[in-house]
Amino acid sequence: MIRPDDDVHVHLCREPVDFRKQMRGLSVLVQEELDLDPFSPRLFAFCNRRRDHVRLLYWERNGFAMWQKKLEADRFPWPHKMEENVIELSGRELGWLLDGMDVFAMRPHGELFYESVL
């Protein structure tokens, strides 16, 4: 199975995408609508309206590559009530999302700041 490393940065497009778009159309969407660099060393994640397909687009040295997953019975827990049009995830969080976990509802422990140990 092919999954991104934990330290890979992922830009997730929150809005559903018409999956008639292939690599060229998705790269134009990244550049024009998301205002991001499609040639950067990052993954760009897209979902269709039914949330049963995910596509990952990335630039690999000398050309675009695309990875796709289609669910047979379930739906991906895609964010829809967030203000940002692009959400940043780690490779680990993307893996959780591809496994069906809602990474947007998960909350880690809060960070604590202290002045002294005494």
N, C-alpha and C. Protein backbone atom coordinates (compact mmCIF):
# COMPACT_ATOMS: atom_id res chain seq x y z
N MET A 1 0.84 -1.18 0.00
CA MET A 1 0.00 0.00 0.00
C MET A 1 0.89 1.24 0.00
N ILE A 2 0.49 2.24 -0.73
CA ILE A 2 1.25 3.48 -0.83
C ILE A 2 0.57 4.53 0.05
N ARG A 3 1.31 5.03 1.03
CA ARG A 3 0.83 6.10 1.90
C ARG A 3 1.95 7.11 2.08
N PRO A 4 1.62 8.39 2.29
CA PRO A 4 2.68 9.39 2.49
C PRO A 4 3.34 9.22 3.86
N ASP A 5 4.58 9.68 3.95
CA ASP A 5 5.30 9.69 5.22
C ASP A 5 4.63 10.65 6.19
N ASP A 6 4.94 10.47 7.47
CA ASP A 6 4.35 11.32 8.50
C ASP A 6 4.72 12.79 8.34
N ASP A 7 5.92 13.07 7.82
CA ASP A 7 6.39 14.45 7.74
C ASP A 7 6.00 15.16 6.44
N VAL A 8 5.23 14.51 5.59
CA VAL A 8 4.76 15.13 4.34
C VAL A 8 3.66 16.14 4.67
N HIS A 9 3.71 17.28 4.00
CA HIS A 9 2.68 18.30 4.17
C HIS A 9 1.61 18.10 3.11
N VAL A 10 0.36 18.16 3.55
CA VAL A 10 -0.78 17.93 2.66
C VAL A 10 -1.67 19.16 2.68
N HIS A 11 -2.06 19.61 1.51
CA HIS A 11 -3.06 20.68 1.39
C HIS A 11 -4.35 20.02 0.93
N LEU A 12 -5.36 20.08 1.76
CA LEU A 12 -6.63 19.44 1.48
C LEU A 12 -7.62 20.50 0.99
N CYS A 13 -8.16 20.31 -0.18
CA CYS A 13 -9.17 21.21 -0.73
C CYS A 13 -10.51 20.86 -0.10
N ARG A 14 -11.09 21.80 0.62
CA ARG A 14 -12.32 21.53 1.36
C ARG A 14 -13.53 21.35 0.45
N GLU A 15 -13.60 22.11 -0.61
CA GLU A 15 -14.75 22.04 -1.52
C GLU A 15 -14.68 20.80 -2.40
N PRO A 16 -15.83 20.18 -2.71
CA PRO A 16 -15.81 19.02 -3.61
C PRO A 16 -15.36 19.42 -5.01
N VAL A 17 -14.74 18.47 -5.69
CA VAL A 17 -14.17 18.72 -7.02
C VAL A 17 -14.82 17.78 -8.03
N ASP A 18 -15.03 18.30 -9.21
CA ASP A 18 -15.55 17.49 -10.32
C ASP A 18 -14.44 16.54 -10.76
N PHE A 19 -14.64 15.24 -10.60
CA PHE A 19 -13.58 14.28 -10.88
C PHE A 19 -13.45 13.95 -12.36
N ARG A 20 -14.11 14.69 -13.23
CA ARG A 20 -13.78 14.61 -14.64
C ARG A 20 -12.44 15.29 -14.87
N LYS A 21 -12.03 16.15 -13.90
CA LYS A 21 -10.72 16.79 -13.98
C LYS A 21 -9.65 15.74 -13.71
N GLN A 22 -8.63 15.78 -14.52
CA GLN A 22 -7.50 14.88 -14.34
C GLN A 22 -6.33 15.70 -13.79
N MET A 23 -5.12 15.25 -14.00
CA MET A 23 -3.94 15.92 -13.43
C MET A 23 -3.83 17.37 -13.86
N ARG A 24 -4.01 17.63 -15.12
CA ARG A 24 -3.86 19.01 -15.62
C ARG A 24 -4.92 19.92 -14.99
N GLY A 25 -6.17 19.48 -14.98
CA GLY A 25 -7.24 20.29 -14.41
C GLY A 25 -7.07 20.51 -12.92
N LEU A 26 -6.62 19.50 -12.20
CA LEU A 26 -6.39 19.65 -10.76
C LEU A 26 -5.21 20.57 -10.48
N SER A 27 -4.16 20.49 -11.30
CA SER A 27 -3.01 21.38 -11.09
C SER A 27 -3.39 22.83 -11.36
N VAL A 28 -4.24 23.07 -12.35
CA VAL A 28 -4.73 24.43 -12.61
C VAL A 28 -5.58 24.90 -11.43
N LEU A 29 -6.42 24.03 -10.88
CA LEU A 29 -7.23 24.37 -9.71
C LEU A 29 -6.34 24.76 -8.52
N VAL A 30 -5.27 24.01 -8.30
CA VAL A 30 -4.33 24.33 -7.21
C VAL A 30 -3.74 25.72 -7.40
N GLN A 31 -3.32 26.00 -8.61
CA GLN A 31 -2.67 27.28 -8.88
C GLN A 31 -3.64 28.45 -8.90
N GLU A 32 -4.75 28.31 -9.59
CA GLU A 32 -5.65 29.44 -9.81
C GLU A 32 -6.66 29.65 -8.69
N GLU A 33 -7.31 28.60 -8.22
CA GLU A 33 -8.37 28.76 -7.23
C GLU A 33 -7.85 28.68 -5.79
N LEU A 34 -6.88 27.81 -5.54
CA LEU A 34 -6.35 27.68 -4.18
C LEU A 34 -5.17 28.61 -3.94
N ASP A 35 -4.65 29.20 -5.01
CA ASP A 35 -3.52 30.13 -4.95
C ASP A 35 -2.30 29.50 -4.28
N LEU A 36 -2.00 28.25 -4.68
CA LEU A 36 -0.85 27.52 -4.16
C LEU A 36 0.03 27.09 -5.32
N ASP A 37 1.25 26.71 -5.02
CA ASP A 37 2.20 26.28 -6.04
C ASP A 37 2.08 24.77 -6.26
N PRO A 38 1.55 24.34 -7.41
CA PRO A 38 1.39 22.91 -7.64
C PRO A 38 2.71 22.16 -7.80
N PHE A 39 3.82 22.89 -7.98
CA PHE A 39 5.13 22.27 -8.14
C PHE A 39 5.88 22.15 -6.81
N SER A 40 5.27 22.59 -5.73
CA SER A 40 5.92 22.50 -4.41
C SER A 40 5.95 21.04 -3.96
N PRO A 41 6.85 20.71 -3.04
CA PRO A 41 6.96 19.32 -2.58
C PRO A 41 5.88 18.97 -1.55
N ARG A 42 4.64 19.09 -1.96
CA ARG A 42 3.50 18.82 -1.09
C ARG A 42 2.47 17.99 -1.83
N LEU A 43 1.58 17.38 -1.07
CA LEU A 43 0.46 16.66 -1.66
C LEU A 43 -0.77 17.56 -1.66
N PHE A 44 -1.60 17.43 -2.66
CA PHE A 44 -2.85 18.16 -2.74
C PHE A 44 -3.96 17.12 -2.78
N ALA A 45 -4.88 17.18 -1.82
CA ALA A 45 -5.94 16.18 -1.68
C ALA A 45 -7.28 16.77 -2.10
N PHE A 46 -8.04 15.98 -2.87
CA PHE A 46 -9.34 16.39 -3.37
C PHE A 46 -10.35 15.27 -3.14
N CYS A 47 -11.60 15.66 -2.98
CA CYS A 47 -12.68 14.69 -2.79
C CYS A 47 -13.82 15.07 -3.73
N ASN A 48 -14.58 14.07 -4.16
CA ASN A 48 -15.74 14.36 -5.01
C ASN A 48 -16.95 14.72 -4.14
N ARG A 49 -18.03 15.12 -4.76
CA ARG A 49 -19.23 15.56 -4.03
C ARG A 49 -19.82 14.46 -3.16
N ARG A 50 -19.80 13.22 -3.62
CA ARG A 50 -20.37 12.11 -2.84
C ARG A 50 -19.44 11.64 -1.71
N ARG A 51 -18.21 12.14 -1.71
CA ARG A 51 -17.19 11.82 -0.71
C ARG A 51 -16.83 10.33 -0.69
N ASP A 52 -16.89 9.69 -1.84
CA ASP A 52 -16.49 8.29 -1.91
C ASP A 52 -15.23 8.09 -2.75
N HIS A 53 -14.67 9.19 -3.28
CA HIS A 53 -13.41 9.16 -4.03
C HIS A 53 -12.47 10.22 -3.46
N VAL A 54 -11.20 9.89 -3.35
CA VAL A 54 -10.16 10.87 -3.00
C VAL A 54 -9.07 10.76 -4.04
N ARG A 55 -8.56 11.92 -4.45
CA ARG A 55 -7.40 11.97 -5.34
C ARG A 55 -6.31 12.80 -4.67
N LEU A 56 -5.09 12.33 -4.80
CA LEU A 56 -3.91 13.05 -4.34
C LEU A 56 -3.08 13.41 -5.55
N LEU A 57 -2.74 14.68 -5.66
CA LEU A 57 -1.92 15.16 -6.76
C LEU A 57 -0.60 15.64 -6.20
N TYR A 58 0.50 15.33 -6.89
CA TYR A 58 1.80 15.83 -6.45
C TYR A 58 2.75 15.89 -7.64
N TRP A 59 3.71 16.80 -7.51
CA TRP A 59 4.75 16.96 -8.52
C TRP A 59 5.91 16.06 -8.11
N GLU A 60 6.36 15.22 -9.05
CA GLU A 60 7.45 14.31 -8.77
C GLU A 60 8.57 14.54 -9.77
N ARG A 61 9.51 15.37 -9.42
CA ARG A 61 10.70 15.72 -10.20
C ARG A 61 10.45 16.27 -11.59
N ASN A 62 9.78 15.52 -12.46
CA ASN A 62 9.63 15.98 -13.84
C ASN A 62 8.23 15.77 -14.40
N GLY A 63 7.25 15.63 -13.51
CA GLY A 63 5.87 15.49 -13.97
C GLY A 63 4.92 15.28 -12.81
N PHE A 64 3.65 15.48 -13.08
CA PHE A 64 2.63 15.28 -12.05
C PHE A 64 2.30 13.80 -11.91
N ALA A 65 1.98 13.41 -10.70
CA ALA A 65 1.53 12.05 -10.41
C ALA A 65 0.23 12.17 -9.63
N MET A 66 -0.63 11.17 -9.79
CA MET A 66 -1.91 11.21 -9.10
C MET A 66 -2.21 9.83 -8.52
N TRP A 67 -2.75 9.83 -7.32
CA TRP A 67 -3.14 8.61 -6.62
C TRP A 67 -4.62 8.75 -6.31
N GLN A 68 -5.36 7.66 -6.40
CA GLN A 68 -6.80 7.72 -6.17
C GLN A 68 -7.26 6.55 -5.31
N LYS A 69 -8.23 6.82 -4.45
CA LYS A 69 -8.88 5.76 -3.67
C LYS A 69 -10.38 5.93 -3.81
N LYS A 70 -11.08 4.82 -4.08
CA LYS A 70 -12.53 4.81 -4.18
C LYS A 70 -13.09 3.86 -3.13
N LEU A 71 -14.03 4.36 -2.34
CA LEU A 71 -14.69 3.53 -1.35
C LEU A 71 -15.90 2.84 -1.97
N GLU A 72 -16.11 1.61 -1.63
CA GLU A 72 -17.23 0.85 -2.18
C GLU A 72 -18.52 1.08 -1.40
N ALA A 73 -18.44 1.33 -0.09
CA ALA A 73 -19.67 1.43 0.69
C ALA A 73 -19.72 2.65 1.61
N ASP A 74 -18.59 3.19 2.02
CA ASP A 74 -18.58 4.28 3.01
C ASP A 74 -18.33 5.63 2.36
N ARG A 75 -18.16 6.63 3.22
CA ARG A 75 -17.84 7.99 2.79
C ARG A 75 -16.63 8.47 3.58
N PHE A 76 -15.82 9.32 2.95
CA PHE A 76 -14.69 9.93 3.65
C PHE A 76 -15.20 11.05 4.56
N PRO A 77 -14.66 11.18 5.77
CA PRO A 77 -15.07 12.27 6.67
C PRO A 77 -14.42 13.58 6.24
N TRP A 78 -14.94 14.20 5.22
CA TRP A 78 -14.36 15.41 4.64
C TRP A 78 -14.91 16.63 5.36
N PRO A 79 -14.07 17.63 5.64
CA PRO A 79 -14.56 18.83 6.34
C PRO A 79 -15.47 19.65 5.44
N HIS A 80 -16.56 20.15 5.99
CA HIS A 80 -17.45 20.99 5.18
C HIS A 80 -17.89 22.24 5.91
N LYS A 81 -17.67 22.32 7.21
CA LYS A 81 -18.12 23.49 7.96
C LYS A 81 -16.94 24.30 8.49
N MET A 82 -15.87 24.37 7.71
CA MET A 82 -14.70 25.15 8.09
C MET A 82 -14.62 26.36 7.18
N GLU A 83 -14.06 27.44 7.71
CA GLU A 83 -13.98 28.67 6.93
C GLU A 83 -12.91 28.61 5.85
N GLU A 84 -11.79 27.95 6.14
CA GLU A 84 -10.70 27.90 5.19
C GLU A 84 -11.08 27.05 3.99
N ASN A 85 -10.62 27.48 2.82
CA ASN A 85 -10.85 26.69 1.61
C ASN A 85 -9.81 25.58 1.47
N VAL A 86 -8.63 25.80 2.09
CA VAL A 86 -7.55 24.82 2.06
C VAL A 86 -7.16 24.52 3.50
N ILE A 87 -7.06 23.25 3.83
CA ILE A 87 -6.71 22.82 5.19
C ILE A 87 -5.40 22.07 5.12
N GLU A 88 -4.48 22.38 6.03
CA GLU A 88 -3.19 21.71 6.05
C GLU A 88 -3.24 20.52 7.00
N LEU A 89 -2.74 19.38 6.51
CA LEU A 89 -2.66 18.16 7.30
C LEU A 89 -1.25 17.60 7.21
N SER A 90 -0.92 16.74 8.15
CA SER A 90 0.33 15.99 8.06
C SER A 90 0.05 14.70 7.28
N GLY A 91 1.10 14.03 6.88
CA GLY A 91 0.93 12.74 6.21
C GLY A 91 0.23 11.73 7.10
N ARG A 92 0.50 11.78 8.39
CA ARG A 92 -0.15 10.88 9.35
C ARG A 92 -1.66 11.14 9.40
N GLU A 93 -2.04 12.43 9.45
CA GLU A 93 -3.46 12.77 9.49
C GLU A 93 -4.16 12.37 8.20
N LEU A 94 -3.48 12.51 7.08
CA LEU A 94 -4.07 12.07 5.81
C LEU A 94 -4.30 10.57 5.83
N GLY A 95 -3.35 9.82 6.38
CA GLY A 95 -3.52 8.37 6.50
C GLY A 95 -4.74 8.03 7.33
N TRP A 96 -4.93 8.74 8.43
CA TRP A 96 -6.11 8.51 9.27
C TRP A 96 -7.38 8.81 8.49
N LEU A 97 -7.37 9.92 7.75
CA LEU A 97 -8.53 10.30 6.95
C LEU A 97 -8.85 9.22 5.92
N LEU A 98 -7.83 8.69 5.26
CA LEU A 98 -8.03 7.64 4.26
C LEU A 98 -8.54 6.36 4.90
N ASP A 99 -8.26 6.17 6.19
CA ASP A 99 -8.77 5.01 6.93
C ASP A 99 -10.17 5.23 7.48
N GLY A 100 -10.72 6.43 7.30
CA GLY A 100 -12.09 6.70 7.73
C GLY A 100 -12.23 7.42 9.05
N MET A 101 -11.12 7.84 9.65
CA MET A 101 -11.20 8.56 10.93
C MET A 101 -11.42 10.04 10.67
N ASP A 102 -12.27 10.64 11.48
CA ASP A 102 -12.56 12.06 11.33
C ASP A 102 -11.50 12.87 12.07
N VAL A 103 -10.45 13.25 11.37
CA VAL A 103 -9.34 13.98 11.99
C VAL A 103 -9.74 15.40 12.39
N PHE A 104 -10.86 15.88 11.88
CA PHE A 104 -11.29 17.24 12.18
C PHE A 104 -12.07 17.30 13.50
N ALA A 105 -12.56 16.16 13.97
CA ALA A 105 -13.26 16.11 15.25
C ALA A 105 -12.33 15.69 16.37
N MET A 106 -11.17 15.15 16.03
CA MET A 106 -10.21 14.71 17.05
C MET A 106 -9.51 15.92 17.65
N ARG A 107 -9.35 15.92 18.95
CA ARG A 107 -8.69 17.03 19.64
C ARG A 107 -7.55 16.47 20.51
N PRO A 108 -6.33 16.98 20.31
CA PRO A 108 -5.23 16.53 21.17
C PRO A 108 -5.28 17.23 22.52
N HIS A 109 -4.44 16.80 23.44
CA HIS A 109 -4.31 17.50 24.72
C HIS A 109 -3.84 18.92 24.45
N GLY A 110 -4.25 19.84 25.29
CA GLY A 110 -3.83 21.23 25.13
C GLY A 110 -2.38 21.41 25.52
N GLU A 111 -1.74 22.39 24.93
CA GLU A 111 -0.34 22.68 25.22
C GLU A 111 -0.27 23.54 26.48
N LEU A 112 0.64 23.23 27.37
CA LEU A 112 0.82 23.97 28.62
C LEU A 112 2.09 24.79 28.57
N PHE A 113 2.05 25.97 29.16
CA PHE A 113 3.22 26.85 29.23
C PHE A 113 3.43 27.24 30.68
N TYR A 114 4.66 27.06 31.17
CA TYR A 114 4.99 27.41 32.56
C TYR A 114 6.20 28.35 32.57
N GLU A 115 6.30 29.12 33.62
CA GLU A 115 7.42 30.03 33.84
C GLU A 115 8.52 29.36 34.64
N SER A 116 8.11 28.46 35.54
CA SER A 116 9.08 27.84 36.45
C SER A 116 8.58 26.47 36.87
N VAL A 117 9.52 25.63 37.29
CA VAL A 117 9.13 24.31 37.80
C VAL A 117 8.83 24.36 39.29
N LEU A 118 9.09 25.47 39.94
CA LEU A 118 8.84 25.60 41.38
C LEU A 118 7.46 26.15 41.68
